[in-house]
Amino acid sequence: MDVLSDVLRVVRLTGSIFFTADLGDPFSVASPGSETILRYMPQKAECVSLFHIITKGKCWFEPADGKPFLLRKGSVIIFPHSCAHNMFSDRSIRPVPLQKLLSMENILGLSDVKYGGEGTKTQFICGYLLCDQRFNPLLGAIPEVIVLTPVDEVGNKHPQDGSLEEPRLPLVPDGWLDMTLRQLADEVRKKNVGSSTIVTRLTELMYIEVLRRYMQSLPEKSNGWLAALRDHEIGKALRLLHAHPGRKWNVEVLATEVGVSRSAFAQRFSNLIGESPMRYLTSWRMQVAKNLLLQPDLNLAMIAEKIGYDSDIAFNRAFKRYVGEPPAHWRNQMLSQA
C-alpha cells in the first residue's frame, strides 16, 4: 500500500486554473490567501495550492509572515496552502490585488495577464490545484512555501537573494521534473487543442513529484506525517490503517502488527503524527467515507461496514461529529453541485 498515493486519490487533487503573467518592471502584485481564492474557483473545494513557474526574468516574493527573497528564471515556487504573498520588482510600489488582474471573465481556462511598467519583463506560468477534501495530517506536514531552483543555483545564493528559509529543492536540467515543467510551459503558451487537459495532468504529476522529493529531503529525525511514512514501524502502521480502514483496530493490535510494545508504539505514533493512532484512524475513515458517499449506488449501511462501523447509526453519529452534518445531507449537497 502506497499511503501517499492513497491519500492523494481520496482527496482528489485536481489542477484547475492556469494563466500566464507578463509583468514589466516596476510591478507589485498581491496574491490573496486561500479563502479568497476559493471564492473564485469554478468548482467546490476545501483547499487550494498555488504555484508560479518563472520562465523569464526574476521576481521578489514576500509571504505574509516571512522575509522577501529573490527567484530567477527556471525556478518554481509552490504555496501548498495558498498563503497570501506579494510578488514585486519594486517593494516601494503599492501592490495591486491579483483578483483585479485576473477577472472572473478570464479565470476559466488558459488566460493571459499583463501588468506593470515598460522595464525588464518577468514572465510566469501560474496555476491553482484544488483538492475537494482536507486531510489535516498531510496538510500539516507540508510547509507554507516550497521552492525548486535550477541545480547550478542551489547552494550558491546571490547576494541580493535575501533570506530564503523555505525548503529549496534542486531542479536538475533535463531531468524528469525539468522536462515536465518545460512541456507544461509549452502547452500553456501554445494553447493547442487538448492543452487544458494536458496541463492539468502535468501539474498534478509535478505536485506529487515535489511532495515526494520534499519527503525524501527531510532530515532523518524529522516529525510529521511525511516523515512518518519513512519510519519502519509507524510507516507500516499507516499502511495497515490505509489498506484496511474497516478492520477492528485498537492500539494494542496495531502495536503487535508492527512488532513493538503498546506504550512505545502509541508514544512514537503521537510524536511523529501529532495525534493518537485511533484519532488518526477516525480522520482517515471520514476521508474514505466522503469518497464513498459520492458513489450513489452505496447506501449508508454499506459505507459504514466498509470503514469499520457496526451500523449506519454509529457511522451517522461519527460523521456528524467529525464533519458537522449528517452524511446523507453532506452527500446530497455534494452531488447537487457535481
Protein backbone atom coordinates (compact mmCIF):
# COMPACT_ATOMS: atom_id res chain seq x y z
CA MET A 1 0.00 0.00 0.00
CA ASP A 2 1.44 3.39 -1.11
CA VAL A 3 -0.01 5.68 1.57
CA LEU A 4 0.83 8.96 -0.17
CA SER A 5 -0.85 7.84 -3.41
CA ASP A 6 -3.79 6.53 -1.41
CA VAL A 7 -4.33 9.89 0.28
CA LEU A 8 -3.97 11.85 -2.96
CA ARG A 9 -6.51 9.54 -4.61
CA VAL A 10 -9.07 10.05 -1.85
CA VAL A 11 -8.70 13.81 -1.55
CA ARG A 12 -8.80 14.04 -5.37
CA LEU A 13 -6.11 16.55 -6.26
CA THR A 14 -7.06 18.38 -9.44
CA GLY A 15 -5.23 21.04 -11.45
CA SER A 16 -7.75 23.78 -12.12
CA ILE A 17 -6.94 27.34 -13.16
CA PHE A 18 -3.89 28.29 -15.23
CA PHE A 19 -2.69 31.61 -16.59
CA THR A 20 0.44 33.33 -17.81
CA ALA A 21 1.61 36.59 -16.30
CA ASP A 22 3.75 39.10 -18.17
CA LEU A 23 4.91 41.73 -15.67
CA GLY A 24 7.02 44.74 -16.58
CA ASP A 25 9.34 46.50 -14.16
CA PRO A 26 8.23 48.18 -11.96
CA PHE A 27 5.45 45.94 -10.69
CA SER A 28 3.96 44.73 -7.44
CA VAL A 29 1.14 42.18 -7.17
CA ALA A 30 -0.61 40.86 -4.06
CA SER A 31 -1.83 37.27 -4.25
CA PRO A 32 -4.67 36.67 -1.76
CA GLY A 33 -4.98 33.82 0.73
CA SER A 34 -6.84 30.58 0.14
CA GLU A 35 -10.22 31.78 1.46
CA THR A 36 -10.38 34.50 -1.18
CA ILE A 37 -9.06 32.24 -3.94
CA LEU A 38 -11.64 29.53 -3.22
CA ARG A 39 -14.45 32.04 -3.77
CA TYR A 40 -13.26 32.47 -7.37
CA MET A 41 -12.95 28.77 -8.15
CA PRO A 42 -15.48 27.28 -10.60
CA GLN A 43 -15.80 24.10 -8.53
CA LYS A 44 -16.23 23.36 -4.83
CA ALA A 45 -13.01 22.59 -2.94
CA GLU A 46 -11.85 22.54 0.67
CA CYS A 47 -8.25 23.54 -0.01
CA VAL A 48 -6.15 25.01 -2.79
CA SER A 49 -2.44 25.16 -3.65
CA LEU A 50 -0.81 27.82 -5.83
CA PHE A 51 2.37 27.67 -7.90
CA HIS A 52 4.43 30.04 -10.07
CA ILE A 53 6.96 28.94 -12.70
CA ILE A 54 9.35 31.76 -13.65
CA THR A 55 10.04 31.46 -17.37
CA LYS A 56 11.78 34.79 -17.86
CA GLY A 57 13.44 37.41 -15.67
CA LYS A 58 13.37 37.50 -11.88
CA CYS A 59 10.99 38.39 -9.09
CA TRP A 60 10.95 39.04 -5.38
CA PHE A 61 8.49 37.07 -3.26
CA GLU A 62 7.35 38.01 0.21
CA PRO A 63 4.99 35.70 2.14
CA ALA A 64 2.70 37.46 4.59
CA ASP A 65 4.66 36.18 7.59
CA GLY A 66 8.10 35.89 6.03
CA LYS A 67 11.06 37.80 4.61
CA PRO A 68 11.43 38.69 0.91
CA PHE A 69 13.63 36.55 -1.33
CA LEU A 70 14.58 36.67 -4.99
CA LEU A 71 13.99 33.92 -7.56
CA ARG A 72 15.11 33.82 -11.18
CA LYS A 73 14.24 32.17 -14.47
CA GLY A 74 13.82 28.42 -14.18
CA SER A 75 12.72 28.47 -10.54
CA VAL A 76 9.37 27.17 -9.30
CA ILE A 77 7.67 28.33 -6.12
CA ILE A 78 4.75 26.44 -4.61
CA PHE A 79 2.43 27.69 -1.88
CA PRO A 80 0.78 24.42 -0.77
CA HIS A 81 -1.67 26.27 1.49
CA SER A 82 -2.03 29.30 -0.83
CA CYS A 83 -0.88 31.71 1.85
CA ALA A 84 -1.12 35.38 0.93
CA HIS A 85 2.07 36.80 -0.59
CA ASN A 86 3.42 39.69 -2.63
CA MET A 87 5.37 39.45 -5.90
CA PHE A 88 7.33 42.54 -6.91
CA SER A 89 10.27 44.14 -8.67
CA ASP A 90 9.97 47.30 -6.59
CA ARG A 91 8.88 46.95 -2.97
CA SER A 92 8.01 50.65 -2.67
CA ILE A 93 5.05 50.26 -5.07
CA ARG A 94 1.65 49.59 -3.58
CA PRO A 95 0.68 46.05 -4.69
CA VAL A 96 -2.37 45.56 -6.88
CA PRO A 97 -4.60 42.60 -5.88
CA LEU A 98 -4.24 39.66 -8.25
CA GLN A 99 -8.01 39.24 -8.45
CA LYS A 100 -8.23 42.66 -10.11
CA LEU A 101 -5.89 41.50 -12.86
CA LEU A 102 -7.45 38.05 -13.24
CA SER A 103 -11.15 38.75 -13.58
CA MET A 104 -13.90 36.18 -13.41
CA GLU A 105 -14.32 36.58 -17.16
CA ASN A 106 -10.86 35.15 -17.90
CA ILE A 107 -10.30 32.86 -14.92
CA LEU A 108 -11.90 29.85 -16.63
CA GLY A 109 -9.16 28.50 -18.89
CA LEU A 110 -5.63 29.23 -20.05
CA SER A 111 -5.54 33.02 -19.70
CA ASP A 112 -3.02 35.86 -20.02
CA VAL A 113 -2.33 38.66 -17.55
CA LYS A 114 -0.26 41.72 -18.49
CA TYR A 115 0.67 44.38 -15.95
CA GLY A 116 3.42 46.73 -14.86
CA GLY A 117 5.78 49.26 -16.38
CA GLU A 118 7.87 49.37 -19.54
CA GLY A 119 11.03 47.98 -17.95
CA THR A 120 12.53 44.49 -17.93
CA LYS A 121 9.90 41.78 -18.32
CA THR A 122 9.31 38.93 -15.91
CA GLN A 123 7.10 36.11 -17.13
CA PHE A 124 5.32 33.44 -15.13
CA ILE A 125 3.11 30.46 -15.61
CA CYS A 126 0.75 30.27 -12.66
CA GLY A 127 -1.81 27.75 -11.59
CA TYR A 128 -4.03 26.53 -8.78
CA LEU A 129 -4.52 22.94 -7.69
CA LEU A 130 -7.68 22.06 -5.84
CA CYS A 131 -8.46 19.18 -3.52
CA ASP A 132 -12.06 18.58 -2.55
CA GLN A 133 -11.24 17.18 0.88
CA ARG A 134 -8.96 18.43 3.61
CA PHE A 135 -6.72 15.77 5.17
CA ASN A 136 -5.06 17.50 8.11
CA PRO A 137 -2.04 15.21 8.69
CA LEU A 138 -0.91 15.66 5.08
CA LEU A 139 -1.52 19.41 5.04
CA GLY A 140 0.15 19.84 8.40
CA ALA A 141 3.26 18.08 7.12
CA ILE A 142 3.75 20.47 4.20
CA PRO A 143 5.41 23.88 4.74
CA GLU A 144 3.90 27.17 3.65
CA VAL A 145 6.38 27.54 0.78
CA ILE A 146 8.47 25.08 -1.28
CA VAL A 147 10.99 26.34 -3.84
CA LEU A 148 12.61 24.41 -6.69
CA THR A 149 15.77 26.01 -8.03
CA PRO A 150 17.95 25.00 -11.01
CA VAL A 151 20.70 22.79 -9.63
CA ASP A 152 23.57 25.12 -10.52
CA GLU A 153 21.99 27.78 -8.29
CA VAL A 154 21.33 25.57 -5.28
CA GLY A 155 23.73 26.45 -2.50
CA ASN A 156 25.08 29.47 -4.39
CA LYS A 157 22.81 32.18 -3.08
CA HIS A 158 23.18 35.50 -4.84
CA PRO A 159 24.00 38.44 -2.52
CA GLN A 160 20.62 40.01 -3.40
CA ASP A 161 18.59 36.87 -2.84
CA GLY A 162 17.56 37.78 0.67
CA SER A 163 16.81 35.25 3.37
CA LEU A 164 15.22 32.09 1.95
CA GLU A 165 14.27 29.94 4.92
CA GLU A 166 11.80 27.83 2.93
CA PRO A 167 12.74 24.34 1.66
CA ARG A 168 14.75 24.69 -1.55
CA LEU A 169 14.82 21.58 -3.73
CA PRO A 170 17.21 21.07 -6.67
CA LEU A 171 15.84 21.08 -10.21
CA VAL A 172 18.25 19.11 -12.42
CA PRO A 173 18.48 20.35 -16.03
CA ASP A 174 16.95 17.83 -18.47
CA GLY A 175 15.80 15.70 -15.56
CA TRP A 176 12.30 14.22 -15.44
CA LEU A 177 10.79 17.09 -13.48
CA ASP A 178 12.57 19.76 -15.53
CA MET A 179 11.27 18.26 -18.79
CA THR A 180 7.75 18.00 -17.33
CA LEU A 181 7.83 21.69 -16.42
CA ARG A 182 9.07 22.64 -19.88
CA GLN A 183 6.31 20.60 -21.51
CA LEU A 184 3.77 22.25 -19.21
CA ALA A 185 5.06 25.71 -20.15
CA ASP A 186 4.93 24.85 -23.86
CA GLU A 187 1.31 23.67 -23.61
CA VAL A 188 0.24 26.78 -21.72
CA ARG A 189 1.88 29.10 -24.26
CA LYS A 190 0.59 27.34 -27.40
CA LYS A 191 -2.97 26.65 -26.16
CA ASN A 192 -3.42 23.80 -28.65
CA VAL A 193 -6.42 21.51 -28.78
CA GLY A 194 -6.42 19.46 -25.57
CA SER A 195 -3.84 21.68 -23.89
CA SER A 196 -6.05 22.38 -20.89
CA THR A 197 -6.34 18.67 -20.06
CA ILE A 198 -2.64 18.02 -20.65
CA VAL A 199 -1.64 20.98 -18.45
CA THR A 200 -3.94 19.74 -15.70
CA ARG A 201 -2.38 16.27 -15.70
CA LEU A 202 1.19 17.59 -15.91
CA THR A 203 0.54 19.90 -12.97
CA GLU A 204 -0.80 17.05 -10.86
CA LEU A 205 2.32 14.98 -11.69
CA MET A 206 4.56 17.94 -10.83
CA TYR A 207 2.90 18.44 -7.47
CA ILE A 208 3.10 14.77 -6.50
CA GLU A 209 6.76 14.62 -7.51
CA VAL A 210 7.51 17.74 -5.43
CA LEU A 211 5.82 16.18 -2.39
CA ARG A 212 7.86 13.02 -2.88
CA ARG A 213 11.13 14.94 -3.20
CA TYR A 214 10.31 17.06 -0.18
CA MET A 215 9.59 13.91 1.84
CA GLN A 216 12.92 12.41 0.73
CA SER A 217 14.79 15.60 1.68
CA LEU A 218 13.54 15.65 5.28
CA PRO A 219 16.23 15.16 7.96
CA GLU A 220 16.40 11.70 9.49
CA LYS A 221 14.81 12.70 12.80
CA SER A 222 12.00 14.88 11.43
CA ASN A 223 8.45 14.74 12.74
CA GLY A 224 5.23 14.97 10.75
CA TRP A 225 3.11 12.78 8.53
CA LEU A 226 5.52 12.67 5.58
CA ALA A 227 8.42 11.78 7.87
CA ALA A 228 6.26 9.07 9.47
CA LEU A 229 5.84 7.37 6.09
CA ARG A 230 9.59 6.67 6.12
CA ASP A 231 9.62 5.30 9.67
CA HIS A 232 9.82 1.50 9.76
CA GLU A 233 7.19 0.84 12.46
CA ILE A 234 4.91 3.88 12.06
CA GLY A 235 5.08 3.71 8.28
CA LYS A 236 3.96 0.07 8.46
CA ALA A 237 1.10 1.04 10.81
CA LEU A 238 -0.05 3.74 8.40
CA ARG A 239 -0.02 1.27 5.51
CA LEU A 240 -2.15 -1.13 7.54
CA LEU A 241 -4.69 1.53 8.53
CA HIS A 242 -4.98 2.75 4.98
CA ALA A 243 -5.24 -0.69 3.45
CA HIS A 244 -7.84 -1.95 5.94
CA PRO A 245 -9.82 1.00 7.41
CA GLY A 246 -12.75 -1.32 8.17
CA ARG A 247 -10.78 -3.64 10.43
CA LYS A 248 -11.49 -3.51 14.19
CA TRP A 249 -8.29 -1.75 15.12
CA ASN A 250 -7.03 -0.72 18.53
CA VAL A 251 -3.61 0.43 19.70
CA GLU A 252 -2.63 -2.99 21.06
CA VAL A 253 -3.46 -4.77 17.79
CA LEU A 254 -1.52 -2.19 15.76
CA ALA A 255 1.49 -2.41 18.08
CA THR A 256 1.52 -6.20 17.75
CA GLU A 257 1.31 -5.96 13.96
CA VAL A 258 4.36 -3.70 13.76
CA GLY A 259 6.32 -5.58 16.43
CA VAL A 260 6.74 -3.05 19.25
CA SER A 261 5.25 -2.58 22.70
CA ARG A 262 1.90 -0.84 23.05
CA SER A 263 3.26 2.12 25.01
CA ALA A 264 6.28 2.63 22.75
CA PHE A 265 4.12 2.46 19.65
CA ALA A 266 1.48 4.90 20.96
CA GLN A 267 4.15 7.39 22.04
CA ARG A 268 6.12 7.23 18.79
CA PHE A 269 2.97 7.48 16.65
CA SER A 270 1.78 10.57 18.54
CA ASN A 271 5.24 12.18 18.43
CA LEU A 272 5.55 11.73 14.66
CA ILE A 273 1.95 12.30 13.52
CA GLY A 274 0.80 14.76 16.18
CA GLU A 275 -2.27 12.75 17.23
CA SER A 276 -3.12 9.32 18.62
CA PRO A 277 -3.46 6.25 16.36
CA MET A 278 -7.21 5.97 16.95
CA ARG A 279 -7.82 9.67 16.29
CA TYR A 280 -5.84 9.35 13.07
CA LEU A 281 -7.88 6.27 12.11
CA THR A 282 -11.12 8.19 12.63
CA SER A 283 -9.87 11.03 10.42
CA TRP A 284 -8.88 8.60 7.69
CA ARG A 285 -12.19 6.73 7.90
CA MET A 286 -14.06 10.01 7.43
CA GLN A 287 -11.96 10.89 4.39
CA VAL A 288 -12.71 7.46 2.89
CA ALA A 289 -16.39 7.87 3.78
CA LYS A 290 -16.57 11.17 1.90
CA ASN A 291 -15.13 9.47 -1.15
CA LEU A 292 -17.63 6.60 -0.90
CA LEU A 293 -20.57 8.94 -0.33
CA LEU A 294 -20.01 10.34 -3.82
CA GLN A 295 -20.91 6.90 -5.20
CA PRO A 296 -24.74 6.99 -5.31
CA ASP A 297 -25.06 3.19 -5.52
CA LEU A 298 -23.66 2.77 -1.98
CA ASN A 299 -26.11 3.22 0.90
CA LEU A 300 -25.05 4.35 4.37
CA ALA A 301 -25.09 0.83 5.82
CA MET A 302 -22.69 -0.38 3.10
CA ILE A 303 -20.35 2.56 3.67
CA ALA A 304 -20.45 2.06 7.44
CA GLU A 305 -19.39 -1.57 7.02
CA LYS A 306 -16.55 -0.69 4.65
CA ILE A 307 -14.97 1.75 7.12
CA GLY A 308 -15.44 -0.23 10.32
CA TYR A 309 -18.71 0.89 11.92
CA ASP A 310 -21.19 -1.68 13.24
CA SER A 311 -24.23 0.19 11.91
CA ASP A 312 -25.27 3.15 9.81
CA ILE A 313 -26.45 4.79 13.06
CA ALA A 314 -22.95 4.63 14.54
CA PHE A 315 -21.48 5.89 11.27
CA ASN A 316 -24.02 8.72 11.09
CA ARG A 317 -23.10 9.81 14.63
CA ALA A 318 -19.34 9.71 13.97
CA PHE A 319 -19.61 11.53 10.62
CA LYS A 320 -21.77 14.30 12.06
CA ARG A 321 -19.36 14.77 14.96
CA TYR A 322 -16.37 14.97 12.60
CA VAL A 323 -17.83 16.88 9.61
CA GLY A 324 -20.58 18.87 11.33
CA GLU A 325 -23.54 17.48 9.38
CA PRO A 326 -25.10 14.06 8.74
CA PRO A 327 -23.63 12.01 5.87
CA ALA A 328 -26.90 11.98 3.90
CA HIS A 329 -27.08 15.78 3.98
CA TRP A 330 -23.41 16.10 3.03
CA ARG A 331 -23.89 13.65 0.15
CA ASN A 332 -26.95 15.49 -1.22
CA GLN A 333 -25.09 18.81 -1.16
CA MET A 334 -22.04 17.41 -2.95
CA LEU A 335 -23.99 15.51 -5.60
CA SER A 336 -26.17 18.53 -6.33
CA GLN A 337 -23.03 20.57 -7.08
CA ALA A 338 -21.44 17.94 -9.31
